[in-house]
């Protein structure tokens, strides 16, 4: 397993764990919710570099996606 793949896996584990703890989801529900998200698509695309961000940053991006129904580009 490459270093980027390992980092992606660690972040995914953290987010699934947080979904289970904070949202009361089962592991299966948490995995399904994250694996079908746009955030996961970006995380697993090495070209985005998202796997280099802290898990908490990816979590915040995922929570934004959840609240808006899609990833939204914030204006600077």
PDB file of N, CA and C in Angstrom:
ATOM      1  N   UNK A   1       0.855  -1.178   0.000  1.00  0.00           N
ATOM      2  CA  UNK A   1       0.000   0.000   0.000  1.00  0.00           C
ATOM      3  C   UNK A   1       0.900   1.240   0.000  1.00  0.00           C
ATOM      4  N   UNK A   2       0.594   2.186  -0.870  1.00  0.00           N
ATOM      5  CA  UNK A   2       1.387   3.403  -0.969  1.00  0.00           C
ATOM      6  C   UNK A   2       1.075   4.346   0.196  1.00  0.00           C
ATOM      7  N   UNK A   3       1.947   5.325   0.409  1.00  0.00           N
ATOM      8  CA  UNK A   3       1.733   6.293   1.483  1.00  0.00           C
ATOM      9  C   UNK A   3       0.423   7.067   1.286  1.00  0.00           C
ATOM     10  N   UNK A   4       0.119   7.575   0.064  1.00  0.00           N
ATOM     11  CA  UNK A   4      -1.171   8.251  -0.122  1.00  0.00           C
ATOM     12  C   UNK A   4      -2.354   7.350   0.207  1.00  0.00           C
ATOM     13  N   UNK A   5      -2.298   6.083  -0.195  1.00  0.00           N
ATOM     14  CA  UNK A   5      -3.393   5.147   0.103  1.00  0.00           C
ATOM     15  C   UNK A   5      -3.540   4.932   1.605  1.00  0.00           C
ATOM     16  N   UNK A   6      -2.415   4.867   2.321  1.00  0.00           N
ATOM     17  CA  UNK A   6      -2.466   4.707   3.772  1.00  0.00           C
ATOM     18  C   UNK A   6      -3.109   5.933   4.423  1.00  0.00           C
ATOM     19  N   UNK A   7      -2.720   7.114   3.980  1.00  0.00           N
ATOM     20  CA  UNK A   7      -3.293   8.340   4.547  1.00  0.00           C
ATOM     21  C   UNK A   7      -4.794   8.417   4.262  1.00  0.00           C
ATOM     22  N   UNK A   8      -5.195   8.040   3.058  1.00  0.00           N
ATOM     23  CA  UNK A   8      -6.624   8.019   2.717  1.00  0.00           C
ATOM     24  C   UNK A   8      -7.383   7.068   3.634  1.00  0.00           C
ATOM     25  N   UNK A   9      -6.790   5.903   3.886  1.00  0.00           N
ATOM     26  CA  UNK A   9      -7.422   4.902   4.744  1.00  0.00           C
ATOM     27  C   UNK A   9      -7.542   5.397   6.174  1.00  0.00           C
ATOM     28  N   UNK A  10      -6.496   6.033   6.700  1.00  0.00           N
ATOM     29  CA  UNK A  10      -6.544   6.550   8.071  1.00  0.00           C
ATOM     30  C   UNK A  10      -7.622   7.618   8.222  1.00  0.00           C
ATOM     31  N   UNK A  11      -7.705   8.516   7.253  1.00  0.00           N
ATOM     32  CA  UNK A  11      -8.726   9.568   7.314  1.00  0.00           C
ATOM     33  C   UNK A  11     -10.116   8.947   7.236  1.00  0.00           C
ATOM     34  N   UNK A  12     -10.287   7.979   6.356  1.00  0.00           N
ATOM     35  CA  UNK A  12     -11.576   7.307   6.227  1.00  0.00           C
ATOM     36  C   UNK A  12     -11.963   6.633   7.540  1.00  0.00           C
ATOM     37  N   UNK A  13     -11.026   5.967   8.182  1.00  0.00           N
ATOM     38  CA  UNK A  13     -11.304   5.320   9.464  1.00  0.00           C
ATOM     39  C   UNK A  13     -11.766   6.342  10.503  1.00  0.00           C
ATOM     40  N   UNK A  14     -11.077   7.483  10.561  1.00  0.00           N
ATOM     41  CA  UNK A  14     -11.459   8.521  11.522  1.00  0.00           C
ATOM     42  C   UNK A  14     -12.870   9.024  11.252  1.00  0.00           C
ATOM     43  N   UNK A  15     -13.166   9.319  10.004  1.00  0.00           N
ATOM     44  CA  UNK A  15     -14.475   9.880   9.671  1.00  0.00           C
ATOM     45  C   UNK A  15     -15.589   8.874   9.938  1.00  0.00           C
ATOM     46  N   UNK A  16     -15.372   7.624   9.584  1.00  0.00           N
ATOM     47  CA  UNK A  16     -16.382   6.591   9.857  1.00  0.00           C
ATOM     48  C   UNK A  16     -16.596   6.467  11.362  1.00  0.00           C
ATOM     49  N   UNK A  17     -15.525   6.497  12.115  1.00  0.00           N
ATOM     50  CA  UNK A  17     -15.632   6.432  13.577  1.00  0.00           C
ATOM     51  C   UNK A  17     -16.424   7.612  14.126  1.00  0.00           C
ATOM     52  N   UNK A  18     -16.138   8.811  13.627  1.00  0.00           N
ATOM     53  CA  UNK A  18     -16.863  10.010  14.080  1.00  0.00           C
ATOM     54  C   UNK A  18     -18.332   9.945  13.694  1.00  0.00           C
ATOM     55  N   UNK A  19     -18.634   9.430  12.512  1.00  0.00           N
ATOM     56  CA  UNK A  19     -20.034   9.278  12.112  1.00  0.00           C
ATOM     57  C   UNK A  19     -20.771   8.333  13.058  1.00  0.00           C
ATOM     58  N   UNK A  20     -20.110   7.277  13.455  1.00  0.00           N
ATOM     59  CA  UNK A  20     -20.716   6.331  14.368  1.00  0.00           C
ATOM     60  C   UNK A  20     -20.943   6.972  15.746  1.00  0.00           C
ATOM     61  N   UNK A  21     -19.936   7.698  16.236  1.00  0.00           N
ATOM     62  CA  UNK A  21     -20.025   8.320  17.555  1.00  0.00           C
ATOM     63  C   UNK A  21     -21.008   9.484  17.588  1.00  0.00           C
ATOM     64  N   UNK A  22     -20.861  10.403  16.633  1.00  0.00           N
ATOM     65  CA  UNK A  22     -21.631  11.647  16.684  1.00  0.00           C
ATOM     66  C   UNK A  22     -23.024  11.545  16.075  1.00  0.00           C
ATOM     67  N   UNK A  23     -23.186  10.669  15.108  1.00  0.00           N
ATOM     68  CA  UNK A  23     -24.479  10.550  14.433  1.00  0.00           C
ATOM     69  C   UNK A  23     -25.228   9.270  14.807  1.00  0.00           C
ATOM     70  N   UNK A  24     -24.576   8.406  15.599  1.00  0.00           N
ATOM     71  CA  UNK A  24     -25.226   7.177  16.041  1.00  0.00           C
ATOM     72  C   UNK A  24     -25.453   6.165  14.931  1.00  0.00           C
ATOM     73  N   UNK A  25     -24.626   6.201  13.901  1.00  0.00           N
ATOM     74  CA  UNK A  25     -24.781   5.270  12.782  1.00  0.00           C
ATOM     75  C   UNK A  25     -24.068   3.960  13.076  1.00  0.00           C
ATOM     76  N   UNK A  26     -24.550   2.891  12.464  1.00  0.00           N
ATOM     77  CA  UNK A  26     -23.814   1.635  12.513  1.00  0.00           C
ATOM     78  C   UNK A  26     -22.602   1.776  11.601  1.00  0.00           C
ATOM     79  N   UNK A  27     -21.672   0.853  11.726  1.00  0.00           N
ATOM     80  CA  UNK A  27     -20.488   0.915  10.866  1.00  0.00           C
ATOM     81  C   UNK A  27     -20.891   0.832   9.394  1.00  0.00           C
ATOM     82  N   UNK A  28     -21.819  -0.057   9.078  1.00  0.00           N
ATOM     83  CA  UNK A  28     -22.264  -0.199   7.692  1.00  0.00           C
ATOM     84  C   UNK A  28     -22.879   1.103   7.174  1.00  0.00           C
ATOM     85  N   UNK A  29     -23.725   1.731   7.978  1.00  0.00           N
ATOM     86  CA  UNK A  29     -24.356   2.995   7.567  1.00  0.00           C
ATOM     87  C   UNK A  29     -23.317   4.094   7.392  1.00  0.00           C
ATOM     88  N   UNK A  30     -22.353   4.155   8.309  1.00  0.00           N
ATOM     89  CA  UNK A  30     -21.310   5.186   8.245  1.00  0.00           C
ATOM     90  C   UNK A  30     -20.434   4.985   7.016  1.00  0.00           C
ATOM     91  N   UNK A  31     -20.063   3.740   6.756  1.00  0.00           N
ATOM     92  CA  UNK A  31     -19.253   3.455   5.568  1.00  0.00           C
ATOM     93  C   UNK A  31     -20.008   3.836   4.298  1.00  0.00           C
ATOM     94  N   UNK A  32     -21.271   3.436   4.217  1.00  0.00           N
ATOM     95  CA  UNK A  32     -22.069   3.745   3.030  1.00  0.00           C
ATOM     96  C   UNK A  32     -22.188   5.255   2.837  1.00  0.00           C
ATOM     97  N   UNK A  33     -22.464   5.972   3.925  1.00  0.00           N
ATOM     98  CA  UNK A  33     -22.642   7.422   3.839  1.00  0.00           C
ATOM     99  C   UNK A  33     -21.354   8.102   3.349  1.00  0.00           C
ATOM    100  N   UNK A  34     -20.217   7.703   3.909  1.00  0.00           N
ATOM    101  CA  UNK A  34     -18.969   8.360   3.506  1.00  0.00           C
ATOM    102  C   UNK A  34     -18.506   7.908   2.128  1.00  0.00           C
ATOM    103  N   UNK A  35     -18.595   6.602   1.840  1.00  0.00           N
ATOM    104  CA  UNK A  35     -18.137   6.095   0.543  1.00  0.00           C
ATOM    105  C   UNK A  35     -18.931   6.662  -0.637  1.00  0.00           C
ATOM    106  N   UNK A  36     -20.152   7.086  -0.412  1.00  0.00           N
ATOM    107  CA  UNK A  36     -20.965   7.624  -1.506  1.00  0.00           C
ATOM    108  C   UNK A  36     -20.930   9.151  -1.564  1.00  0.00           C
ATOM    109  N   UNK A  37     -20.049   9.759  -0.783  1.00  0.00           N
ATOM    110  CA  UNK A  37     -19.986  11.223  -0.749  1.00  0.00           C
ATOM    111  C   UNK A  37     -19.004  11.790  -1.775  1.00  0.00           C
ATOM    112  N   UNK A  38     -19.212  13.049  -2.112  1.00  0.00           N
ATOM    113  CA  UNK A  38     -18.270  13.756  -2.968  1.00  0.00           C
ATOM    114  C   UNK A  38     -16.940  13.951  -2.245  1.00  0.00           C
ATOM    115  N   UNK A  39     -17.008  14.104  -0.938  1.00  0.00           N
ATOM    116  CA  UNK A  39     -15.784  14.268  -0.149  1.00  0.00           C
ATOM    117  C   UNK A  39     -14.894  13.035  -0.292  1.00  0.00           C
ATOM    118  N   UNK A  40     -15.486  11.848  -0.223  1.00  0.00           N
ATOM    119  CA  UNK A  40     -14.712  10.616  -0.389  1.00  0.00           C
ATOM    120  C   UNK A  40     -14.115  10.541  -1.782  1.00  0.00           C
ATOM    121  N   UNK A  41     -14.891  10.940  -2.788  1.00  0.00           N
ATOM    122  CA  UNK A  41     -14.366  10.957  -4.160  1.00  0.00           C
ATOM    123  C   UNK A  41     -13.129  11.842  -4.262  1.00  0.00           C
ATOM    124  N   UNK A  42     -13.196  12.990  -3.629  1.00  0.00           N
ATOM    125  CA  UNK A  42     -12.041  13.909  -3.668  1.00  0.00           C
ATOM    126  C   UNK A  42     -10.888  13.381  -2.837  1.00  0.00           C
ATOM    127  N   UNK A  43     -11.201  12.792  -1.688  1.00  0.00           N
ATOM    128  CA  UNK A  43     -10.157  12.239  -0.827  1.00  0.00           C
ATOM    129  C   UNK A  43      -9.373  11.160  -1.550  1.00  0.00           C
ATOM    130  N   UNK A  44     -10.049  10.320  -2.298  1.00  0.00           N
ATOM    131  CA  UNK A  44      -9.395   9.191  -2.958  1.00  0.00           C
ATOM    132  C   UNK A  44      -8.832   9.527  -4.338  1.00  0.00           C
ATOM    133  N   UNK A  45      -8.948  10.778  -4.740  1.00  0.00           N
ATOM    134  CA  UNK A  45      -8.324  11.234  -5.976  1.00  0.00           C
ATOM    135  C   UNK A  45      -6.993  11.895  -5.603  1.00  0.00           C
ATOM    136  N   UNK A  46      -5.871  11.219  -5.856  1.00  0.00           N
ATOM    137  CA  UNK A  46      -4.573  11.758  -5.440  1.00  0.00           C
ATOM    138  C   UNK A  46      -4.276  13.154  -5.991  1.00  0.00           C
ATOM    139  N   UNK A  47      -4.867  13.498  -7.115  1.00  0.00           N
ATOM    140  CA  UNK A  47      -4.610  14.804  -7.730  1.00  0.00           C
ATOM    141  C   UNK A  47      -5.128  15.970  -6.892  1.00  0.00           C
ATOM    142  N   UNK A  48      -6.134  15.726  -6.036  1.00  0.00           N
ATOM    143  CA  UNK A  48      -6.671  16.814  -5.207  1.00  0.00           C
ATOM    144  C   UNK A  48      -5.771  17.130  -4.024  1.00  0.00           C
ATOM    145  N   UNK A  49      -4.976  16.160  -3.580  1.00  0.00           N
ATOM    146  CA  UNK A  49      -4.117  16.358  -2.417  1.00  0.00           C
ATOM    147  C   UNK A  49      -4.875  16.395  -1.097  1.00  0.00           C
ATOM    148  N   UNK A  50      -6.176  16.107  -1.121  1.00  0.00           N
ATOM    149  CA  UNK A  50      -6.982  16.169   0.096  1.00  0.00           C
ATOM    150  C   UNK A  50      -6.487  15.184   1.150  1.00  0.00           C
ATOM    151  N   UNK A  51      -5.898  14.091   0.721  1.00  0.00           N
ATOM    152  CA  UNK A  51      -5.381  13.101   1.661  1.00  0.00           C
ATOM    153  C   UNK A  51      -4.254  13.654   2.534  1.00  0.00           C
ATOM    154  N   UNK A  52      -3.691  14.807   2.161  1.00  0.00           N
ATOM    155  CA  UNK A  52      -2.630  15.437   2.941  1.00  0.00           C
ATOM    156  C   UNK A  52      -3.179  16.331   4.054  1.00  0.00           C
ATOM    157  N   UNK A  53      -4.471  16.622   4.011  1.00  0.00           N
ATOM    158  CA  UNK A  53      -5.097  17.456   5.036  1.00  0.00           C
ATOM    159  C   UNK A  53      -5.309  16.655   6.312  1.00  0.00           C
ATOM    160  N   UNK A  54      -5.493  17.369   7.405  1.00  0.00           N
ATOM    161  CA  UNK A  54      -5.790  16.730   8.683  1.00  0.00           C
ATOM    162  C   UNK A  54      -7.178  16.097   8.609  1.00  0.00           C
ATOM    163  N   UNK A  55      -7.379  14.976   9.293  1.00  0.00           N
ATOM    164  CA  UNK A  55      -8.704  14.347   9.295  1.00  0.00           C
ATOM    165  C   UNK A  55      -9.815  15.310   9.706  1.00  0.00           C
ATOM    166  N   UNK A  56      -9.534  16.199  10.655  1.00  0.00           N
ATOM    167  CA  UNK A  56     -10.555  17.158  11.092  1.00  0.00           C
ATOM    168  C   UNK A  56     -10.966  18.097   9.960  1.00  0.00           C
ATOM    169  N   UNK A  57     -10.044  18.446   9.085  1.00  0.00           N
ATOM    170  CA  UNK A  57     -10.366  19.310   7.935  1.00  0.00           C
ATOM    171  C   UNK A  57     -11.253  18.573   6.938  1.00  0.00           C
ATOM    172  N   UNK A  58     -10.947  17.299   6.713  1.00  0.00           N
ATOM    173  CA  UNK A  58     -11.769  16.500   5.801  1.00  0.00           C
ATOM    174  C   UNK A  58     -13.155  16.302   6.417  1.00  0.00           C
ATOM    175  N   UNK A  59     -13.216  16.104   7.733  1.00  0.00           N
ATOM    176  CA  UNK A  59     -14.490  15.976   8.443  1.00  0.00           C
ATOM    177  C   UNK A  59     -15.322  17.241   8.251  1.00  0.00           C
ATOM    178  N   UNK A  60     -14.704  18.412   8.400  1.00  0.00           N
ATOM    179  CA  UNK A  60     -15.418  19.677   8.232  1.00  0.00           C
ATOM    180  C   UNK A  60     -15.950  19.808   6.808  1.00  0.00           C
ATOM    181  N   UNK A  61     -15.163  19.410   5.826  1.00  0.00           N
ATOM    182  CA  UNK A  61     -15.608  19.438   4.436  1.00  0.00           C
ATOM    183  C   UNK A  61     -16.801  18.499   4.244  1.00  0.00           C
ATOM    184  N   UNK A  62     -16.721  17.314   4.831  1.00  0.00           N
ATOM    185  CA  UNK A  62     -17.812  16.348   4.734  1.00  0.00           C
ATOM    186  C   UNK A  62     -19.070  16.880   5.411  1.00  0.00           C
ATOM    187  N   UNK A  63     -18.931  17.508   6.570  1.00  0.00           N
ATOM    188  CA  UNK A  63     -20.089  18.063   7.271  1.00  0.00           C
ATOM    189  C   UNK A  63     -20.723  19.207   6.462  1.00  0.00           C
ATOM    190  N   UNK A  64     -19.898  20.011   5.791  1.00  0.00           N
ATOM    191  CA  UNK A  64     -20.431  21.047   4.889  1.00  0.00           C
ATOM    192  C   UNK A  64     -21.222  20.406   3.758  1.00  0.00           C
ATOM    193  N   UNK A  65     -20.671  19.345   3.191  1.00  0.00           N
ATOM    194  CA  UNK A  65     -21.374  18.630   2.121  1.00  0.00           C
ATOM    195  C   UNK A  65     -22.711  18.106   2.635  1.00  0.00           C
ATOM    196  N   UNK A  66     -22.708  17.543   3.827  1.00  0.00           N
ATOM    197  CA  UNK A  66     -23.938  17.010   4.415  1.00  0.00           C
ATOM    198  C   UNK A  66     -24.986  18.110   4.622  1.00  0.00           C
ATOM    199  N   UNK A  67     -24.568  19.271   5.082  1.00  0.00           N
ATOM    200  CA  UNK A  67     -25.530  20.336   5.366  1.00  0.00           C
ATOM    201  C   UNK A  67     -26.044  21.020   4.097  1.00  0.00           C
ATOM    202  N   UNK A  68     -25.226  21.033   3.039  1.00  0.00           N
ATOM    203  CA  UNK A  68     -25.626  21.691   1.795  1.00  0.00           C
ATOM    204  C   UNK A  68     -26.134  20.711   0.730  1.00  0.00           C
ATOM    205  N   UNK A  69     -25.936  19.435   0.958  1.00  0.00           N
ATOM    206  CA  UNK A  69     -26.357  18.430  -0.022  1.00  0.00           C
ATOM    207  C   UNK A  69     -25.347  18.220  -1.130  1.00  0.00           C
ATOM    208  N   UNK A  70     -24.279  18.990  -1.128  1.00  0.00           N
ATOM    209  CA  UNK A  70     -23.206  18.874  -2.120  1.00  0.00           C
ATOM    210  C   UNK A  70     -22.044  19.725  -1.642  1.00  0.00           C
ATOM    211  N   UNK A  71     -20.881  19.482  -2.216  1.00  0.00           N
ATOM    212  CA  UNK A  71     -19.740  20.320  -1.889  1.00  0.00           C
ATOM    213  C   UNK A  71     -19.976  21.713  -2.478  1.00  0.00           C
ATOM    214  N   UNK A  72     -19.675  22.727  -1.689  1.00  0.00           N
ATOM    215  CA  UNK A  72     -19.886  24.110  -2.107  1.00  0.00           C
ATOM    216  C   UNK A  72     -18.564  24.843  -1.997  1.00  0.00           C
ATOM    217  N   UNK A  73     -18.195  25.555  -3.024  1.00  0.00           N
ATOM    218  CA  UNK A  73     -16.985  26.361  -3.020  1.00  0.00           C
ATOM    219  C   UNK A  73     -17.260  27.656  -2.270  1.00  0.00           C
ATOM    220  N   UNK A  74     -16.595  27.850  -1.147  1.00  0.00           N
ATOM    221  CA  UNK A  74     -16.751  29.098  -0.400  1.00  0.00           C
ATOM    222  C   UNK A  74     -15.949  30.197  -1.069  1.00  0.00           C
ATOM    223  N   UNK A  75     -16.504  31.396  -1.075  1.00  0.00           N
ATOM    224  CA  UNK A  75     -15.784  32.526  -1.646  1.00  0.00           C
ATOM    225  C   UNK A  75     -14.726  33.005  -0.685  1.00  0.00           C
ATOM    226  N   UNK A  76     -13.647  33.476  -1.232  1.00  0.00           N
ATOM    227  CA  UNK A  76     -12.535  33.959  -0.401  1.00  0.00           C
ATOM    228  C   UNK A  76     -12.696  35.432  -0.124  1.00  0.00           C
TER     229      UNK A  76
END
